[in-house]
Protein backbone atom coordinates (compact mmCIF):
# COMPACT_ATOMS: atom_id res chain seq x y z
CA MET A 1 -10.55 13.77 10.04
CA VAL A 2 -13.76 13.10 8.19
CA THR A 3 -13.82 9.98 6.09
CA ASN A 4 -13.82 11.72 2.66
CA ASP A 5 -10.88 13.66 3.82
CA LEU A 6 -9.15 10.53 4.57
CA ILE A 7 -10.05 8.99 1.13
CA ASN A 8 -8.56 12.07 -0.54
CA VAL A 9 -5.33 11.51 1.47
CA TYR A 10 -5.21 7.98 0.55
CA LYS A 11 -5.70 8.63 -3.18
CA ASN A 12 -2.27 10.33 -3.19
CA GLU A 13 -0.18 7.84 -5.04
CA GLU A 14 3.24 9.33 -3.88
CA LEU A 15 2.18 8.76 -0.07
CA ALA A 16 0.69 5.32 -0.77
CA LEU A 17 4.05 4.20 -2.28
CA GLU A 18 6.30 5.69 0.74
CA ALA A 19 3.97 4.07 3.19
CA PHE A 20 3.85 0.77 1.63
CA ARG A 21 7.66 0.95 1.26
CA GLU A 22 7.68 1.73 4.98
CA TYR A 23 5.55 -1.14 5.77
CA ARG A 24 7.62 -3.46 3.62
CA LEU A 25 10.85 -2.30 5.37
CA ARG A 26 9.08 -3.02 8.86
CA LYS A 27 8.11 -6.42 7.88
CA GLY A 28 11.63 -7.24 6.24
CA ILE A 29 12.42 -8.14 2.71
CA ALA A 30 14.26 -11.37 1.85
CA CYS A 31 16.10 -11.68 -1.55
CA LYS A 32 14.35 -14.35 -3.82
CA LYS A 33 17.68 -15.30 -5.30
CA CYS A 34 19.99 -15.59 -2.36
CA GLY A 35 17.88 -15.23 0.87
CA CYS A 36 19.85 -11.95 2.09
CA LYS A 37 17.70 -9.77 4.25
CA ASP A 38 19.86 -6.58 3.86
CA HIS A 39 18.41 -4.34 1.05
CA TYR A 40 18.74 -0.66 0.07
CA TRP A 41 16.15 1.47 -1.72
CA LEU A 42 16.44 2.47 -5.41
CA ALA A 43 14.21 5.46 -5.53
CA SER A 44 14.54 5.81 -9.31
CA LYS A 45 13.35 2.31 -10.04
CA HIS A 46 10.72 2.00 -6.89
CA GLN A 47 12.60 -1.33 -6.20
CA PHE A 48 14.70 -2.85 -3.36
CA GLN A 49 18.21 -4.20 -4.23
CA CYS A 50 20.01 -6.86 -2.49
CA LYS A 51 23.13 -5.67 -0.90
CA LYS A 52 24.73 -9.05 -1.50
CA CYS A 53 23.79 -10.38 -4.90
CA LYS A 54 22.10 -6.89 -6.25
CA PHE A 55 18.90 -8.74 -7.27
CA ARG A 56 16.02 -6.32 -7.43
CA THR A 57 12.72 -6.80 -5.83
CA THR A 58 9.68 -4.67 -6.73
CA LEU A 59 7.65 -2.80 -3.98
CA GLN A 60 4.70 -5.20 -4.53
CA SER A 61 6.67 -8.57 -4.96
CA GLY A 62 5.58 -11.09 -2.36
CA THR A 63 2.78 -9.19 -1.12
CA LEU A 64 -1.04 -9.13 -1.95
CA LEU A 65 -0.39 -6.45 -4.55
CA GLU A 66 1.99 -8.62 -6.51
CA GLY A 67 1.22 -8.71 -10.22
CA SER A 68 -1.39 -6.04 -9.83
CA LYS A 69 -1.36 -3.02 -12.20
CA LEU A 70 -3.66 -1.04 -9.97
CA PRO A 71 -2.37 1.92 -8.05
CA VAL A 72 -0.99 1.15 -4.47
CA SER A 73 -3.35 3.86 -3.16
CA TYR A 74 -6.37 1.57 -4.11
CA PHE A 75 -5.16 -0.75 -1.56
CA PHE A 76 -5.17 1.97 1.34
CA ILE A 77 -8.55 3.14 0.02
CA GLY A 78 -10.07 -0.43 0.25
CA LEU A 79 -8.48 -0.99 3.38
CA HIS A 80 -9.91 2.19 5.08
CA LEU A 81 -13.40 1.48 3.55
CA LEU A 82 -13.45 -2.14 4.92
CA ILE A 83 -12.49 -1.08 8.27
CA ARG A 84 -14.84 1.79 8.24
CA ASN A 85 -17.85 -0.35 7.13
CA GLU A 86 -16.79 -3.23 9.59
CA GLN A 87 -15.68 -5.37 6.63
CA SER A 88 -18.65 -4.86 4.44
CA LEU A 89 -17.70 -3.44 1.09
CA THR A 90 -19.05 -3.90 -2.16
CA VAL A 91 -16.98 -3.81 -5.24
CA GLU A 92 -19.38 -0.90 -6.64
CA GLU A 93 -18.71 1.08 -3.68
CA PHE A 94 -14.93 0.51 -4.06
CA GLN A 95 -15.28 1.46 -7.68
CA LYS A 96 -17.15 4.77 -6.77
CA HIS A 97 -14.41 5.93 -4.29
CA THR A 98 -11.35 4.81 -6.61
CA GLY A 99 -12.97 6.19 -9.83
CA HIS A 100 -11.57 3.11 -11.71
CA LYS A 101 -13.25 2.32 -14.86
CA TYR A 102 -13.40 -1.60 -14.61
CA THR A 103 -14.85 -3.68 -11.70
CA GLU A 104 -12.95 -6.98 -12.55
CA PRO A 105 -9.24 -5.92 -11.10
CA LEU A 106 -11.10 -4.22 -8.29
CA TYR A 107 -12.89 -7.33 -7.39
CA ASP A 108 -9.69 -9.24 -7.23
CA LEU A 109 -7.99 -6.55 -5.16
CA LEU A 110 -11.15 -6.32 -2.77
CA ARG A 111 -10.96 -10.06 -2.30
CA LYS A 112 -7.31 -9.85 -1.40
CA ILE A 113 -7.82 -6.97 0.98
CA LYS A 114 -10.41 -8.86 2.78
CA THR A 115 -8.27 -11.95 3.24
CA TYR A 116 -5.39 -9.43 4.35
CA VAL A 117 -7.81 -8.10 7.03
CA ARG A 118 -8.82 -11.47 8.38
CA ASN A 119 -5.18 -12.65 8.68
CA ASN A 120 -3.41 -9.15 9.87
CA ASP A 121 -3.96 -6.12 11.77
CA PRO A 122 -5.17 -3.79 9.22
CA ASN A 123 -4.49 -0.65 11.47
CA SER A 124 -0.87 -0.86 11.72
CA ILE A 125 -0.46 -0.21 7.75
CA LEU A 126 -2.99 2.47 7.98
CA ILE A 127 -1.00 4.06 10.90
CA ASP A 128 2.30 3.79 8.59
CA PHE A 129 0.24 5.66 5.85
CA ILE A 130 -0.99 8.54 8.29
CA GLU A 131 2.74 8.98 9.79
CA VAL A 132 3.99 9.21 6.23
CA ALA A 133 1.40 11.73 5.27
CA ASN A 134 1.94 13.92 8.55
CA GLN A 135 5.62 13.84 7.96
CA LYS A 136 5.30 15.18 4.28
CA ILE A 137 2.74 17.80 5.55
CA PHE A 138 5.11 18.86 8.37
CA ILE A 139 8.20 18.80 5.90
CA SER A 140 6.35 20.85 3.28
CA LYS A 141 5.11 23.47 5.82
CA ALA A 142 8.60 23.83 7.19
CA VAL A 143 10.03 24.70 3.75
């Protein structure tokens, strides 16, 4: 797939949310209230709920996206651009690809993504995204 095609796929917020949820499930979620690791997904709220104490955890809680009001898709766009550009990405280029009006929140997110790339395997979460996208495309073609 051409890079611009991938960027357009990453801009799909629904796919981004689903891929990030899959990533969170694979990494494991621990309840901040009781420490339980058994949760179920509340699709209507976009949150995990603890099976033991019913405490809810947002999709972004405990991740580099915690507290961010930016779309989850920006994370995938930034991650893809960083990998493609060998970890060299300016906030202006990031802004151009996201179409976001302000640079300040993008600067903070880009800084967090760069830290994430240094400390983790960035390809694993992008593979999750592509798998989710492929499943959605396959299901929509089958219907």
